[in-house]
N, C-alpha and C. Protein backbone atom coordinates (compact mmCIF):
# COMPACT_ATOMS: atom_id res chain seq x y z
N MET A 1 0.78 -1.13 0.12
CA MET A 1 0.10 0.25 -0.27
C MET A 1 0.95 1.18 -0.26
N LYS A 2 0.53 1.99 -0.72
CA LYS A 2 1.50 3.36 -0.64
C LYS A 2 1.30 4.59 0.07
N GLY A 3 1.93 5.02 1.05
CA GLY A 3 1.53 6.05 2.11
C GLY A 3 3.11 6.90 1.75
N LEU A 4 2.92 7.89 2.31
CA LEU A 4 3.39 9.00 2.49
C LEU A 4 4.72 8.71 2.95
N LEU A 5 5.81 8.97 2.47
CA LEU A 5 7.15 8.34 2.98
C LEU A 5 8.41 9.91 3.28
N ILE A 6 8.49 10.14 4.41
CA ILE A 6 9.64 10.85 4.94
C ILE A 6 10.81 10.48 5.04
N GLU A 7 11.97 11.24 4.38
CA GLU A 7 13.30 10.86 4.62
C GLU A 7 13.93 12.18 5.05
N THR A 8 14.56 12.13 6.36
CA THR A 8 14.83 13.69 6.52
C THR A 8 16.76 12.75 7.07
N LYS A 9 17.26 14.31 7.25
CA LYS A 9 19.07 13.98 7.37
C LYS A 9 19.20 15.42 7.36
N LEU A 10 20.62 15.28 8.58
CA LEU A 10 21.13 16.93 8.48
C LEU A 10 21.43 17.41 7.81
N PHE A 11 21.46 18.52 7.32
CA PHE A 11 22.13 19.21 6.15
C PHE A 11 23.37 20.38 6.13
N GLU A 12 24.28 19.42 5.93
CA GLU A 12 25.48 20.52 6.45
C GLU A 12 25.97 21.27 5.04
N ALA A 13 26.07 22.58 5.42
CA ALA A 13 26.05 23.31 4.17
C ALA A 13 26.38 24.47 4.11
N LYS A 14 27.19 25.44 3.33
CA LYS A 14 27.48 26.67 3.39
C LYS A 14 26.68 27.45 2.78
N VAL A 15 26.17 28.71 3.75
CA VAL A 15 25.37 29.66 3.46
C VAL A 15 26.13 30.71 2.58
N GLN A 16 25.18 31.30 1.64
CA GLN A 16 26.15 32.47 0.77
C GLN A 16 24.93 33.33 0.57
N GLU A 17 25.09 34.27 -0.47
CA GLU A 17 24.15 35.40 -0.85
C GLU A 17 24.99 35.48 -2.51
N ASP A 18 23.71 35.34 -3.53
CA ASP A 18 24.35 35.47 -4.77
C ASP A 18 24.60 36.96 -5.22
N GLU A 19 24.75 37.37 -6.51
CA GLU A 19 24.49 38.59 -7.02
C GLU A 19 23.54 39.28 -6.61
N GLY A 20 22.13 38.80 -6.53
CA GLY A 20 20.91 39.67 -6.24
C GLY A 20 20.80 39.70 -4.70
N GLY A 21 21.51 39.53 -3.91
CA GLY A 21 21.62 39.46 -2.86
C GLY A 21 20.67 38.40 -2.32
N ARG A 22 20.31 37.09 -2.83
CA ARG A 22 19.47 36.01 -2.18
C ARG A 22 20.19 35.21 -1.50
N THR A 23 19.73 34.69 -0.40
CA THR A 23 20.44 33.52 0.56
C THR A 23 20.37 32.24 -0.14
N LEU A 24 21.41 31.75 -0.65
CA LEU A 24 21.75 30.29 -0.81
C LEU A 24 22.67 29.13 0.15
N VAL A 25 21.81 28.14 -0.37
CA VAL A 25 22.82 27.02 0.66
C VAL A 25 22.91 26.24 -0.15
N LYS A 26 23.86 25.11 -0.15
CA LYS A 26 24.45 23.85 -0.74
C LYS A 26 24.59 23.28 0.32
N GLY A 27 24.18 21.46 -0.39
CA GLY A 27 24.53 20.62 0.61
C GLY A 27 23.84 19.43 0.34
N VAL A 28 24.32 18.28 1.18
CA VAL A 28 23.35 17.06 0.59
C VAL A 28 21.95 17.12 0.88
N LEU A 29 21.23 16.72 -0.28
CA LEU A 29 19.78 16.51 0.28
C LEU A 29 19.23 15.29 0.40
N GLN A 30 19.88 14.19 -0.29
CA GLN A 30 19.77 12.61 0.38
C GLN A 30 20.73 11.94 -0.17
N ARG A 31 20.44 10.42 0.54
CA ARG A 31 21.95 9.62 0.39
C ARG A 31 21.15 8.20 0.04
N ALA A 32 21.45 8.09 -1.34
CA ALA A 32 21.14 6.64 -1.53
C ALA A 32 22.11 5.42 -0.95
N GLY A 33 21.19 4.47 -0.59
CA GLY A 33 21.89 3.12 -0.16
C GLY A 33 22.31 2.88 1.02
N ALA A 34 22.15 4.28 1.85
CA ALA A 34 22.18 3.88 3.05
C ALA A 34 20.96 4.04 4.35
N GLU A 35 20.97 3.20 5.51
CA GLU A 35 19.84 3.08 6.15
C GLU A 35 19.71 4.65 6.75
N ASN A 36 18.61 5.25 7.05
CA ASN A 36 18.45 5.98 8.04
C ASN A 36 17.70 5.95 9.25
N GLN A 37 17.62 6.59 9.84
CA GLN A 37 17.27 6.65 11.47
C GLN A 37 15.66 5.95 11.12
N ASN A 38 15.03 5.76 10.34
CA ASN A 38 13.51 5.11 10.31
C ASN A 38 13.67 3.72 9.52
N GLY A 39 15.12 3.14 9.59
CA GLY A 39 15.09 1.96 9.12
C GLY A 39 14.77 1.89 7.49
N ARG A 40 14.70 2.96 6.95
CA ARG A 40 14.57 2.75 5.28
C ARG A 40 15.66 3.19 4.76
N VAL A 41 15.82 2.22 3.52
CA VAL A 41 16.75 2.72 2.74
C VAL A 41 16.28 2.83 1.20
N TYR A 42 16.96 4.09 0.77
CA TYR A 42 16.58 4.44 -0.66
C TYR A 42 17.78 3.72 -1.80
N PRO A 43 16.80 2.71 -2.50
CA PRO A 43 17.69 2.28 -3.63
C PRO A 43 18.17 3.46 -4.49
N LYS A 44 19.33 3.39 -5.04
CA LYS A 44 19.88 4.61 -6.02
C LYS A 44 19.17 4.69 -7.24
N PRO A 45 19.18 3.60 -7.96
CA PRO A 45 18.11 4.05 -9.14
C PRO A 45 16.85 4.75 -8.81
N ILE A 46 16.22 4.28 -8.04
CA ILE A 46 15.00 5.05 -7.50
C ILE A 46 15.01 6.36 -7.35
N LEU A 47 16.08 6.66 -6.77
CA LEU A 47 16.25 7.98 -6.76
C LEU A 47 16.92 8.71 -7.77
N GLU A 48 17.77 8.36 -8.65
CA GLU A 48 18.23 8.58 -9.77
C GLU A 48 16.80 8.99 -10.65
N ARG A 49 15.68 8.02 -10.71
CA ARG A 49 14.79 8.44 -11.54
C ARG A 49 14.09 9.59 -11.62
N GLU A 50 13.50 9.64 -9.70
CA GLU A 50 13.07 10.96 -9.34
C GLU A 50 13.54 11.75 -9.39
N ALA A 51 15.04 12.19 -8.89
CA ALA A 51 15.78 13.30 -9.37
C ALA A 51 15.76 13.84 -10.76
N LYS A 52 15.72 12.68 -11.36
CA LYS A 52 15.53 13.40 -13.40
C LYS A 52 14.13 13.89 -13.29
N LYS A 53 13.14 13.17 -12.77
CA LYS A 53 11.88 13.73 -13.30
C LYS A 53 11.70 15.26 -12.08
N TYR A 54 12.24 15.32 -11.11
CA TYR A 54 12.26 16.71 -10.45
C TYR A 54 12.89 17.89 -11.11
N GLU A 55 13.92 17.43 -12.08
CA GLU A 55 14.44 18.63 -12.77
C GLU A 55 13.65 19.41 -13.65
N THR A 56 12.18 18.68 -13.83
CA THR A 56 11.48 19.88 -14.45
C THR A 56 11.01 20.70 -13.71
N PHE A 57 10.82 20.17 -12.53
CA PHE A 57 10.27 21.49 -11.14
C PHE A 57 11.40 22.52 -11.17
N ILE A 58 12.63 22.10 -11.34
CA ILE A 58 13.92 22.96 -11.16
C ILE A 58 13.50 24.19 -12.17
N LYS A 59 13.86 23.52 -13.18
CA LYS A 59 13.60 24.34 -14.58
C LYS A 59 12.16 25.06 -14.69
N GLU A 60 11.18 24.79 -14.09
CA GLU A 60 9.69 26.05 -14.00
C GLU A 60 9.80 26.41 -13.01
N ARG A 61 11.00 26.48 -12.01
CA ARG A 61 11.12 27.43 -10.51
C ARG A 61 9.76 27.35 -9.81
N ARG A 62 9.36 26.01 -9.65
CA ARG A 62 8.36 25.71 -8.72
C ARG A 62 9.13 24.08 -7.90
N ALA A 63 9.91 24.28 -7.60
CA ALA A 63 10.70 22.83 -6.74
C ALA A 63 10.42 23.56 -5.41
N LEU A 64 9.48 23.64 -4.84
CA LEU A 64 9.09 24.53 -3.56
C LEU A 64 9.21 23.59 -2.56
N GLY A 65 9.77 24.42 -1.13
CA GLY A 65 9.39 23.37 0.02
C GLY A 65 9.36 23.98 1.24
N GLU A 66 8.86 23.48 2.10
CA GLU A 66 8.07 23.92 3.20
C GLU A 66 9.22 24.34 4.46
N LEU A 67 8.76 25.15 5.34
CA LEU A 67 9.89 25.21 7.08
C LEU A 67 8.44 24.11 7.49
N ASP A 68 9.11 22.72 8.32
CA ASP A 68 8.82 22.10 9.12
C ASP A 68 8.24 21.04 8.05
N HIS A 69 7.92 19.81 8.63
CA HIS A 69 7.28 18.82 7.69
C HIS A 69 5.65 18.77 7.86
N PRO A 70 4.78 19.02 7.07
CA PRO A 70 3.63 18.53 6.95
C PRO A 70 3.29 17.34 6.78
N ASP A 71 2.17 16.86 7.32
CA ASP A 71 1.73 15.13 6.75
C ASP A 71 0.88 15.37 5.69
N SER A 72 1.30 16.02 4.44
CA SER A 72 0.49 15.88 3.14
C SER A 72 1.09 16.01 2.06
N THR A 73 0.63 15.78 1.17
CA THR A 73 1.71 15.20 -0.32
C THR A 73 1.42 16.58 -0.91
N VAL A 74 1.02 17.79 -0.27
CA VAL A 74 0.63 19.08 -1.49
C VAL A 74 1.69 19.86 -0.63
N ILE A 75 2.28 20.64 -1.59
CA ILE A 75 3.04 21.59 -1.03
C ILE A 75 1.99 22.98 -0.76
N ASN A 76 2.08 23.36 0.44
CA ASN A 76 1.08 24.42 1.03
C ASN A 76 1.91 25.95 0.75
N LEU A 77 1.99 26.43 -0.13
CA LEU A 77 2.20 27.39 -0.25
C LEU A 77 2.14 29.10 0.47
N LYS A 78 1.47 28.66 1.65
CA LYS A 78 1.77 29.77 2.51
C LYS A 78 2.75 29.58 3.64
N ASN A 79 3.39 28.44 3.69
CA ASN A 79 4.15 27.65 4.17
C ASN A 79 5.70 27.58 3.56
N VAL A 80 5.56 28.08 2.40
CA VAL A 80 6.84 28.20 1.64
C VAL A 80 7.85 28.84 2.11
N SER A 81 9.44 27.87 2.00
CA SER A 81 10.46 28.82 2.67
C SER A 81 11.15 28.65 1.40
N HIS A 82 11.59 27.96 0.71
CA HIS A 82 12.61 27.90 -0.19
C HIS A 82 12.47 27.46 -1.51
N ASN A 83 13.10 27.26 -2.48
CA ASN A 83 13.06 26.58 -3.77
C ASN A 83 14.69 26.18 -3.94
N ILE A 84 14.12 24.72 -5.00
CA ILE A 84 15.41 24.20 -4.91
C ILE A 84 16.29 24.59 -6.23
N LYS A 85 17.51 25.21 -6.52
CA LYS A 85 17.88 25.97 -8.00
C LYS A 85 18.51 24.66 -8.79
N GLU A 86 19.09 23.62 -8.05
CA GLU A 86 19.73 22.67 -8.72
C GLU A 86 20.14 21.67 -7.96
N ILE A 87 20.27 20.21 -8.59
CA ILE A 87 20.73 19.30 -8.11
C ILE A 87 21.85 18.18 -8.51
N TRP A 88 22.43 17.69 -8.02
CA TRP A 88 23.65 16.73 -8.86
C TRP A 88 24.16 15.64 -7.79
N TRP A 89 24.58 14.73 -8.54
CA TRP A 89 24.89 13.33 -7.94
C TRP A 89 26.45 13.68 -7.21
N ASP A 90 27.36 13.19 -6.13
CA ASP A 90 28.15 13.06 -5.73
C ASP A 90 28.39 11.73 -5.00
N GLY A 91 28.59 11.12 -5.89
CA GLY A 91 28.74 9.28 -5.27
C GLY A 91 27.14 8.82 -5.17
N ASP A 92 27.10 8.53 -3.95
CA ASP A 92 25.62 7.90 -3.82
C ASP A 92 24.97 9.25 -2.67
N ASP A 93 25.76 10.50 -2.76
CA ASP A 93 24.66 11.61 -2.02
C ASP A 93 24.08 12.28 -3.36
N LEU A 94 22.61 12.79 -3.14
CA LEU A 94 21.78 13.83 -3.79
C LEU A 94 22.16 14.78 -3.43
N CYS A 95 22.70 16.37 -3.84
CA CYS A 95 23.12 17.54 -3.13
C CYS A 95 22.24 18.30 -4.15
N GLY A 96 22.40 19.68 -3.77
CA GLY A 96 21.69 20.71 -4.15
C GLY A 96 21.91 21.90 -4.00
N THR A 97 21.56 22.91 -4.64
CA THR A 97 21.08 24.57 -4.15
C THR A 97 20.26 24.94 -3.75
N VAL A 98 20.17 25.26 -2.69
CA VAL A 98 18.88 26.15 -2.42
C VAL A 98 18.44 27.36 -2.07
N GLU A 99 17.73 28.10 -2.60
CA GLU A 99 17.52 29.74 -2.20
C GLU A 99 16.25 29.74 -1.37
N VAL A 100 16.76 30.28 -0.52
CA VAL A 100 16.20 30.99 0.75
C VAL A 100 14.88 31.78 0.06
N LEU A 101 13.72 31.82 0.68
CA LEU A 101 12.75 32.78 -0.38
C LEU A 101 12.59 33.61 0.88
N SER A 102 11.74 35.01 0.53
CA SER A 102 11.39 35.82 1.41
C SER A 102 9.81 35.89 1.88
N THR A 103 9.63 34.85 1.78
CA THR A 103 8.50 34.75 2.58
C THR A 103 8.30 34.85 3.99
N PRO A 104 6.87 34.29 4.72
CA PRO A 104 7.39 34.65 6.43
C PRO A 104 8.33 33.38 6.74
N SER A 105 7.99 31.97 6.14
CA SER A 105 8.37 30.94 6.36
C SER A 105 9.96 31.17 6.28
N GLY A 106 10.25 31.65 5.06
CA GLY A 106 11.56 31.71 4.42
C GLY A 106 12.55 33.16 5.31
N ASN A 107 11.74 33.93 5.91
CA ASN A 107 12.44 34.52 6.54
C ASN A 107 12.70 34.09 7.82
N ILE A 108 11.99 33.15 8.53
CA ILE A 108 12.11 32.45 9.84
C ILE A 108 13.38 31.74 9.18
N LEU A 109 13.38 31.05 8.34
CA LEU A 109 14.38 30.02 8.06
C LEU A 109 16.00 31.13 7.51
N LYS A 110 16.05 31.70 7.19
CA LYS A 110 16.97 32.68 6.82
C LYS A 110 17.68 32.92 8.48
N GLU A 111 16.64 33.72 8.91
CA GLU A 111 17.63 33.82 10.01
C GLU A 111 17.96 32.97 11.18
N LEU A 112 17.29 31.67 11.14
CA LEU A 112 17.71 30.41 11.66
C LEU A 112 19.09 29.98 11.42
N LEU A 113 19.22 30.17 9.99
CA LEU A 113 20.65 29.76 9.35
C LEU A 113 21.95 30.66 9.80
N LYS A 114 21.33 31.92 9.96
CA LYS A 114 22.28 32.97 10.18
C LYS A 114 22.90 32.83 11.53
N ALA A 115 21.95 32.56 12.43
CA ALA A 115 21.97 32.27 14.05
C ALA A 115 22.85 31.09 13.83
N GLY A 116 23.14 30.10 12.75
CA GLY A 116 24.10 29.44 13.25
C GLY A 116 23.26 27.86 13.84
N ILE A 117 21.77 28.14 13.32
CA ILE A 117 20.93 26.82 14.16
C ILE A 117 21.09 25.98 13.23
N LEU A 118 21.63 24.42 13.89
CA LEU A 118 21.58 23.17 13.11
C LEU A 118 20.13 22.70 12.32
N LEU A 119 20.03 22.50 11.16
CA LEU A 119 18.72 22.34 10.63
C LEU A 119 18.81 20.97 9.97
N GLY A 120 17.82 20.21 9.45
CA GLY A 120 17.94 19.10 8.70
C GLY A 120 17.00 19.40 7.32
N ILE A 121 17.40 18.34 6.57
CA ILE A 121 16.50 18.67 5.22
C ILE A 121 15.94 17.07 5.08
N SER A 122 14.51 17.25 4.46
CA SER A 122 13.67 15.96 4.62
C SER A 122 13.24 16.16 3.50
N SER A 123 13.35 14.63 2.55
CA SER A 123 12.26 14.75 1.61
C SER A 123 11.11 14.00 2.07
N ARG A 124 9.98 14.57 1.25
CA ARG A 124 8.88 13.85 1.09
C ARG A 124 7.98 13.26 0.03
N GLY A 125 7.85 12.20 0.26
CA GLY A 125 7.25 11.61 -1.21
C GLY A 125 6.27 10.16 -0.73
N MET A 126 5.89 9.72 -2.05
CA MET A 126 4.52 8.66 -1.76
C MET A 126 5.16 7.59 -2.01
N GLY A 127 4.97 6.29 -1.25
CA GLY A 127 5.32 4.95 -2.03
C GLY A 127 5.08 4.18 -0.99
N SER A 128 5.54 2.91 -1.17
CA SER A 128 5.47 1.82 -0.51
C SER A 128 6.94 0.96 0.00
N THR A 129 6.90 0.21 0.86
CA THR A 129 8.35 -0.11 1.27
C THR A 129 7.97 -1.63 1.07
N LYS A 130 9.39 -2.44 0.71
CA LYS A 130 9.29 -3.80 1.25
C LYS A 130 10.60 -4.18 2.34
N PRO A 131 10.46 -5.22 3.08
CA PRO A 131 11.13 -5.84 3.92
C PRO A 131 12.81 -6.30 3.76
N LEU A 132 13.68 -5.76 4.17
CA LEU A 132 14.81 -6.08 4.01
C LEU A 132 15.46 -6.96 5.35
N SER A 133 16.65 -7.27 5.68
CA SER A 133 17.04 -7.79 7.20
C SER A 133 16.97 -7.10 7.89
N GLY A 134 16.62 -7.54 9.66
CA GLY A 134 16.50 -7.06 10.24
C GLY A 134 15.17 -6.02 10.61
N ASN A 135 15.33 -4.91 10.96
CA ASN A 135 14.28 -4.00 11.03
C ASN A 135 14.01 -3.30 9.59
N LYS A 136 15.32 -3.04 8.82
CA LYS A 136 15.38 -2.41 7.27
C LYS A 136 13.98 -2.83 6.55
N VAL A 137 13.87 -1.85 6.16
CA VAL A 137 13.06 -1.99 5.14
C VAL A 137 13.32 -1.31 3.50
N GLU A 138 13.20 -1.25 2.70
CA GLU A 138 13.72 -0.51 1.16
C GLU A 138 12.50 -0.02 0.65
N VAL A 139 12.67 1.12 -0.17
CA VAL A 139 11.70 1.66 -0.57
C VAL A 139 11.62 1.33 -1.97
N ALA A 140 10.14 1.27 -2.19
CA ALA A 140 9.60 0.28 -3.38
C ALA A 140 9.71 1.10 -5.05
N ASP A 141 9.81 0.46 -6.04
CA ASP A 141 9.56 1.28 -7.18
C ASP A 141 8.54 2.23 -7.36
N ASP A 142 7.70 1.88 -6.63
CA ASP A 142 6.52 2.72 -6.70
C ASP A 142 6.74 4.35 -6.05
N PHE A 143 7.81 4.56 -5.61
CA PHE A 143 8.07 5.76 -5.11
C PHE A 143 7.96 7.32 -5.89
N GLU A 144 7.66 7.82 -5.39
CA GLU A 144 7.17 9.33 -6.26
C GLU A 144 7.57 10.56 -5.18
N LEU A 145 8.81 11.36 -5.66
CA LEU A 145 9.32 12.55 -4.82
C LEU A 145 8.42 13.47 -5.25
N ILE A 146 8.44 14.18 -4.07
CA ILE A 146 7.40 15.45 -3.93
C ILE A 146 8.07 16.42 -3.70
N GLY A 147 9.14 16.84 -2.78
CA GLY A 147 10.21 17.69 -2.41
C GLY A 147 11.00 17.40 -1.52
N TRP A 148 11.61 18.58 -1.16
CA TRP A 148 12.44 18.64 0.47
C TRP A 148 12.16 19.71 1.13
N ASP A 149 11.91 19.40 2.28
CA ASP A 149 11.43 20.51 3.40
C ASP A 149 12.24 20.31 4.26
N PHE A 150 12.56 22.15 5.28
CA PHE A 150 13.72 22.08 6.03
C PHE A 150 12.75 21.80 7.50
N VAL A 151 13.61 20.98 8.44
CA VAL A 151 13.23 20.21 9.71
C VAL A 151 13.88 20.48 10.87
N SER A 152 13.49 20.46 11.90
CA SER A 152 14.64 20.41 12.78
C SER A 152 15.43 18.83 13.67
N ASN A 153 14.76 18.02 13.40
CA ASN A 153 14.91 16.45 13.41
C ASN A 153 15.11 15.86 12.75
N PRO A 154 16.23 15.46 11.99
CA PRO A 154 16.19 14.63 10.99
C PRO A 154 16.61 13.12 11.09
N SER A 155 16.29 12.52 10.17
CA SER A 155 16.17 10.99 10.07
C SER A 155 17.28 10.40 9.34
N THR A 156 17.67 10.95 8.48
CA THR A 156 19.33 10.55 7.85
C THR A 156 20.21 11.07 8.55
N HIS A 157 21.56 10.33 8.66
CA HIS A 157 22.63 10.61 9.58
C HIS A 157 23.32 11.63 8.77
N GLY A 158 23.65 12.54 9.69
CA GLY A 158 24.37 13.66 9.06
C GLY A 158 23.72 14.56 8.10
N ALA A 159 22.15 14.57 7.99
CA ALA A 159 21.46 15.71 7.08
C ALA A 159 21.18 17.15 7.68
N PHE A 160 22.12 17.27 8.33
CA PHE A 160 21.93 18.81 9.02
C PHE A 160 22.48 19.36 7.87
N MET A 161 21.33 20.86 7.98
CA MET A 161 21.86 22.18 6.91
C MET A 161 22.45 22.82 8.16
N VAL A 162 23.74 23.47 8.00
CA VAL A 162 24.24 24.27 9.06
C VAL A 162 25.65 25.51 7.92
N PRO A 163 25.53 26.53 8.79
CA PRO A 163 26.62 27.55 7.95
C PRO A 163 27.78 27.40 8.38
N MET A 164 28.43 26.97 7.61
CA MET A 164 30.07 26.68 8.15
C MET A 164 30.78 27.44 7.31
N ASN A 165 32.18 27.24 7.88
CA ASN A 165 33.38 27.29 7.13
C ASN A 165 33.84 26.31 6.24
N GLU A 166 34.07 26.43 5.12
CA GLU A 166 34.07 24.86 4.59
C GLU A 166 35.42 23.99 4.83
N SER A 167 36.16 24.46 6.13
CA SER A 167 37.31 23.62 6.30
C SER A 167 37.15 22.94 7.40
N VAL A 168 36.20 23.44 8.17
CA VAL A 168 35.66 23.00 9.67
C VAL A 168 34.44 22.13 9.17
N ASN A 169 34.01 20.77 9.96
CA ASN A 169 33.20 20.28 10.18
C ASN A 169 32.43 20.89 11.50
N PRO A 170 31.21 21.21 11.67
CA PRO A 170 30.50 21.60 12.88
C PRO A 170 30.28 19.97 13.74
N LEU A 171 29.45 19.49 13.33
CA LEU A 171 29.22 18.02 13.93
C LEU A 171 30.30 17.66 14.75
N LYS A 172 31.87 17.82 14.00
CA LYS A 172 32.70 17.08 14.48
C LYS A 172 33.17 17.75 15.84
N GLN A 173 32.82 19.48 16.37
CA GLN A 173 33.14 20.11 17.02
C GLN A 173 32.16 19.63 18.17
N ILE A 174 31.08 19.50 18.10
CA ILE A 174 30.07 19.11 18.74
C ILE A 174 29.76 18.00 19.42
N GLY A 175 30.54 16.86 18.99
CA GLY A 175 30.65 15.43 19.73
C GLY A 175 29.13 14.69 18.74
N THR A 176 29.15 13.70 19.33
CA THR A 176 28.15 12.61 19.03
C THR A 176 26.63 13.20 18.99
N ASP A 177 26.34 13.77 19.96
CA ASP A 177 24.91 13.95 20.11
C ASP A 177 24.05 14.79 18.81
N ALA A 178 23.39 14.33 18.33
CA ALA A 178 23.01 15.00 16.90
C ALA A 178 22.44 16.48 16.70
N CYS A 179 22.13 16.95 17.40
CA CYS A 179 21.80 18.48 17.88
C CYS A 179 22.89 19.05 18.83
N GLY A 180 23.69 18.65 19.57
CA GLY A 180 24.65 18.49 20.43
C GLY A 180 24.46 19.89 21.16
N GLU A 181 25.01 21.38 21.06
CA GLU A 181 24.89 22.65 21.80
C GLU A 181 23.32 23.13 21.28
N TYR A 182 22.67 22.91 20.12
CA TYR A 182 21.81 23.50 19.54
C TYR A 182 20.52 22.85 19.97
N CYS A 183 20.71 21.74 20.58
CA CYS A 183 19.29 21.14 21.41
C CYS A 183 18.18 22.15 22.18
N LYS A 184 18.52 22.97 22.65
CA LYS A 184 17.92 24.00 23.29
C LYS A 184 17.19 25.01 22.13
N ALA A 185 18.10 25.30 21.47
CA ALA A 185 17.53 26.10 20.11
C ALA A 185 16.56 25.39 19.17
N GLN A 186 16.77 24.37 19.07
CA GLN A 186 15.49 23.56 17.94
C GLN A 186 14.76 23.32 18.72
N ASP A 187 14.58 23.09 20.16
CA ASP A 187 13.38 22.76 21.08
C ASP A 187 12.47 24.20 20.74
N LEU A 188 13.12 25.41 20.80
CA LEU A 188 12.90 26.89 21.03
C LEU A 188 12.23 27.18 19.51
N MET A 189 12.96 26.84 18.39
CA MET A 189 12.55 26.77 17.37
C MET A 189 11.29 26.39 17.06
N ARG A 190 11.04 25.07 17.52
CA ARG A 190 9.91 24.33 17.36
C ARG A 190 8.62 24.91 17.79
N GLU A 191 8.89 25.56 19.05
CA GLU A 191 7.90 26.50 19.60
C GLU A 191 7.44 27.73 19.06
N ILE A 192 8.36 28.31 18.59
CA ILE A 192 8.08 29.78 17.64
C ILE A 192 7.32 29.23 16.64
N ILE A 193 7.59 28.01 15.91
CA ILE A 193 6.88 27.63 14.71
C ILE A 193 5.44 27.13 15.05
N THR A 194 5.22 26.82 16.31
CA THR A 194 4.03 26.06 16.53
C THR A 194 2.98 27.39 16.69
N GLU A 195 3.46 28.13 17.47
CA GLU A 195 2.71 29.44 17.81
C GLU A 195 2.40 30.18 16.56
N ILE A 196 3.41 30.37 15.64
CA ILE A 196 3.02 31.09 14.15
C ILE A 196 2.01 30.44 13.76
N ALA A 197 1.97 28.88 13.37
CA ALA A 197 1.03 28.17 12.35
C ALA A 197 -0.10 28.03 12.91
């Protein structure tokens, strides 16, 4: 049975501005073939197929995503925070450049990034899964990618997006805890977003 599949990871990225003053972030959107914290594995051929289809949305400037993860298959325009500008493969990592929009949710996202808050990126799609060994499941061939949203609690290992110096990995600096010194900030962010929504 086909259902909503959410894949979340910490999104390590460098924040920059383009010549027009727009805030851009680049980093890993999703990882193929690796088990996430939900015990789910996305086969690379399936992600490659969906990424190729997603290129149409990118070309049409409608590869939109939301701040926080809704339980819906529809992108809610009043919650849009960003637009994916490009995607590419680096080994098993599907990487992307994301433009943070000047919407209410985009402005919240921009300020969180500027403040150095550790965020995650999360894919949203429809599909079913099939069991693998142990508690792992594999995403089936009927998977359809909807897009990527920014979240505070990712399920994919290393899927936080953070402002960073290219030579420094902040995750190594804060230790093994997924959010490290940013846990209190993430809890506060969840409270603020819940009050605004």
